[in-house]
């Protein structure tokens, strides 16, 4: 189903068979979690529906596994994590990502021979010579955004964050472009 369009009509128009993802899910889905996807008669599976479903599923997670008593909870949603850091005064890398506060991280990543270095938050602070923003220690979405200065420095070096462990304060930075190749630009959706 991965490359099928959402509706039967779209599948037929594109010559991809007679059924779209929605029909295939109706016929074969056994996960109750997916039932609401096919009940809705919407003709597409777009960013708006994906965001709405993400919010629903996240709320279900919080309902099933509540925050332990006494835990400190701070809020940040995905939109806040992706917000342009210039809005809150965070310095951004300039040039090829090697200038500014996060330039040392870009340079360090470009010098790595491993395609998946495992690093601690403390090690990143040593590389940068400054503390990570509070969001990096408190909000998982921060690490997966290319919209903040640290994320831009990582992407500029040809890497992305993966396997972020907020408890152990570690992450894997995975190379997205072969060493020595030019880094492709990041394309962000228009709000």
Protein backbone atom coordinates (compact mmCIF):
# COMPACT_ATOMS: atom_id res chain seq x y z
CA UNK A 1 0.00 0.00 0.00
CA UNK A 2 2.95 2.31 0.48
CA UNK A 3 2.80 3.97 -2.94
CA UNK A 4 -0.93 3.81 -3.50
CA UNK A 5 -2.94 7.01 -3.46
CA UNK A 6 -5.62 7.40 -0.77
CA UNK A 7 -8.76 6.91 -2.90
CA UNK A 8 -9.83 4.32 -5.48
CA UNK A 9 -10.42 7.08 -8.02
CA UNK A 10 -6.87 8.39 -7.64
CA UNK A 11 -5.47 4.85 -8.01
CA UNK A 12 -7.43 4.29 -11.22
CA UNK A 13 -6.43 7.69 -12.65
CA UNK A 14 -2.76 6.92 -12.08
CA UNK A 15 -2.97 3.37 -13.41
CA UNK A 16 -2.08 1.87 -10.01
CA UNK A 17 -4.88 -0.67 -9.78
CA UNK A 18 -8.48 -0.30 -8.77
CA UNK A 19 -8.09 0.32 -5.04
CA UNK A 20 -6.50 3.05 -2.97
CA UNK A 21 -5.08 2.89 0.55
CA UNK A 22 -8.45 3.62 2.16
CA UNK A 23 -10.13 0.61 0.51
CA UNK A 24 -7.16 -1.64 1.24
CA UNK A 25 -7.29 -0.63 4.90
CA UNK A 26 -11.04 -1.35 4.97
CA UNK A 27 -10.43 -4.82 3.54
CA UNK A 28 -7.29 -5.81 5.44
CA UNK A 29 -6.64 -3.67 8.51
CA UNK A 30 -6.85 -5.65 11.72
CA UNK A 31 -5.54 -2.95 14.01
CA UNK A 32 -8.33 -1.16 15.82
CA UNK A 33 -6.01 1.85 15.90
CA UNK A 34 -6.50 2.30 12.15
CA UNK A 35 -10.30 1.97 12.10
CA UNK A 36 -10.88 5.71 12.39
CA UNK A 37 -8.76 6.32 9.28
CA UNK A 38 -11.21 4.52 7.02
CA UNK A 39 -14.42 5.60 8.74
CA UNK A 40 -13.75 9.20 7.80
CA UNK A 41 -14.95 9.79 4.23
CA UNK A 42 -12.25 12.41 3.54
CA UNK A 43 -10.79 12.10 0.07
CA UNK A 44 -7.18 12.57 1.06
CA UNK A 45 -4.54 11.87 3.67
CA UNK A 46 -2.86 15.26 3.92
CA UNK A 47 -0.73 17.21 6.40
CA UNK A 48 -3.78 18.61 8.19
CA UNK A 49 -5.20 15.12 8.82
CA UNK A 50 -1.78 13.77 9.79
CA UNK A 51 -1.32 16.55 12.36
CA UNK A 52 -4.83 15.99 13.75
CA UNK A 53 -4.18 12.26 14.08
CA UNK A 54 -0.81 12.92 15.72
CA UNK A 55 -2.53 15.07 18.34
CA UNK A 56 -5.15 12.39 18.96
CA UNK A 57 -2.57 9.64 19.33
CA UNK A 58 -0.35 11.77 21.56
CA UNK A 59 -3.31 12.51 23.81
CA UNK A 60 -4.08 8.78 23.97
CA UNK A 61 -0.49 8.11 25.06
CA UNK A 62 -0.77 10.70 27.84
CA UNK A 63 -4.14 9.27 28.91
CA UNK A 64 -2.80 5.70 29.05
CA UNK A 65 0.56 6.56 30.63
CA UNK A 66 0.08 9.61 32.85
CA UNK A 67 3.03 11.63 34.08
CA UNK A 68 4.28 10.27 37.42
CA UNK A 69 3.27 12.19 40.53
CA UNK A 70 5.79 14.86 41.43
CA UNK A 71 7.31 15.04 37.95
CA UNK A 72 7.96 18.47 36.52
CA UNK A 73 6.08 18.94 33.29
CA UNK A 74 6.89 21.67 30.82
CA UNK A 75 5.02 22.13 27.60
CA UNK A 76 6.21 22.40 24.05
CA UNK A 77 4.35 21.25 21.02
CA UNK A 78 5.76 20.33 17.65
CA UNK A 79 4.97 23.77 16.25
CA UNK A 80 7.01 25.39 19.06
CA UNK A 81 9.92 23.00 18.50
CA UNK A 82 9.95 23.83 14.79
CA UNK A 83 9.61 27.60 15.28
CA UNK A 84 12.31 29.75 13.79
CA UNK A 85 14.85 30.44 16.56
CA UNK A 86 15.12 34.06 15.46
CA UNK A 87 11.71 34.54 17.06
CA UNK A 88 13.18 33.88 20.52
CA UNK A 89 16.58 35.47 20.00
CA UNK A 90 18.56 32.25 19.58
CA UNK A 91 21.63 32.87 17.44
CA UNK A 92 21.63 31.05 14.14
CA UNK A 93 24.50 29.69 12.13
CA UNK A 94 25.28 31.67 9.02
CA UNK A 95 27.31 31.01 5.92
CA UNK A 96 27.68 27.25 5.46
CA UNK A 97 26.58 26.61 9.02
CA UNK A 98 30.13 26.94 10.29
CA UNK A 99 29.75 30.44 11.71
CA UNK A 100 27.90 31.46 14.83
CA UNK A 101 27.44 29.65 18.10
CA UNK A 102 26.78 26.24 16.51
CA UNK A 103 29.56 26.37 13.91
CA UNK A 104 31.88 24.20 16.02
CA UNK A 105 29.27 21.41 15.94
CA UNK A 106 28.98 21.59 12.15
CA UNK A 107 32.77 21.48 11.84
CA UNK A 108 33.05 18.56 14.29
CA UNK A 109 30.39 16.56 12.46
CA UNK A 110 32.02 17.16 9.07
CA UNK A 111 35.27 15.79 10.48
CA UNK A 112 33.64 12.54 11.70
CA UNK A 113 34.65 9.31 10.01
CA UNK A 114 31.73 7.40 11.55
CA UNK A 115 28.38 7.67 9.80
CA UNK A 116 26.57 7.30 13.15
CA UNK A 117 28.45 8.84 16.06
CA UNK A 118 26.82 8.33 19.47
CA UNK A 119 27.19 11.51 21.53
CA UNK A 120 26.09 12.71 24.92
CA UNK A 121 24.52 16.09 25.57
CA UNK A 122 27.55 16.91 27.74
CA UNK A 123 29.92 16.06 24.87
CA UNK A 124 27.95 18.34 22.55
CA UNK A 125 28.32 21.14 25.11
CA UNK A 126 32.08 20.48 25.19
CA UNK A 127 32.21 20.69 21.38
CA UNK A 128 30.18 23.91 21.36
CA UNK A 129 31.90 25.47 24.35
CA UNK A 130 28.49 26.53 25.66
CA UNK A 131 25.44 24.94 27.27
CA UNK A 132 22.68 23.45 25.15
CA UNK A 133 19.41 25.37 25.13
CA UNK A 134 16.94 24.28 27.83
CA UNK A 135 14.66 22.96 25.07
CA UNK A 136 17.31 20.41 24.09
CA UNK A 137 17.23 18.86 27.57
CA UNK A 138 13.48 19.12 28.08
CA UNK A 139 11.73 18.59 24.75
CA UNK A 140 12.30 15.63 22.47
CA UNK A 141 10.87 17.38 19.35
CA UNK A 142 13.70 19.94 19.60
CA UNK A 143 16.19 17.32 18.37
CA UNK A 144 14.20 16.43 15.27
CA UNK A 145 13.65 19.97 14.03
CA UNK A 146 15.80 21.65 11.41
CA UNK A 147 14.11 24.92 12.35
CA UNK A 148 16.28 25.73 15.36
CA UNK A 149 19.94 26.78 15.27
CA UNK A 150 21.31 23.49 16.59
CA UNK A 151 19.19 21.51 14.10
CA UNK A 152 20.37 23.71 11.24
CA UNK A 153 23.99 23.14 12.22
CA UNK A 154 23.43 19.36 12.26
CA UNK A 155 21.64 19.36 8.88
CA UNK A 156 24.25 21.66 7.34
CA UNK A 157 26.90 19.11 8.28
CA UNK A 158 24.91 16.39 6.50
CA UNK A 159 23.51 14.64 9.58
CA UNK A 160 20.22 14.17 11.40
CA UNK A 161 19.37 13.26 14.98
CA UNK A 162 18.18 9.72 15.66
CA UNK A 163 17.68 7.65 18.78
CA UNK A 164 17.51 10.58 21.19
CA UNK A 165 17.42 9.31 24.78
CA UNK A 166 16.27 12.12 27.04
CA UNK A 167 16.86 10.06 30.20
CA UNK A 168 20.49 9.18 29.42
CA UNK A 169 20.99 12.44 27.51
CA UNK A 170 22.48 10.74 24.46
CA UNK A 171 21.69 10.62 20.76
CA UNK A 172 22.96 9.18 17.50
CA UNK A 173 23.76 11.63 14.72
CA UNK A 174 23.25 9.78 11.43
CA UNK A 175 24.95 10.94 8.24
CA UNK A 176 22.38 11.80 5.57
CA UNK A 177 24.83 12.61 2.80
CA UNK A 178 28.01 10.75 1.90
CA UNK A 179 31.22 12.29 3.24
CA UNK A 180 32.51 15.01 0.98
CA UNK A 181 29.23 15.43 -0.92
CA UNK A 182 27.45 18.72 -0.88
CA UNK A 183 24.64 18.92 1.67
CA UNK A 184 21.19 19.20 0.13
CA UNK A 185 19.04 22.12 1.25
CA UNK A 186 16.34 21.51 3.86
CA UNK A 187 12.86 22.12 2.54
CA UNK A 188 10.42 23.23 5.23
CA UNK A 189 6.66 23.29 4.73
CA UNK A 190 5.07 26.70 4.36
CA UNK A 191 2.94 27.45 7.46
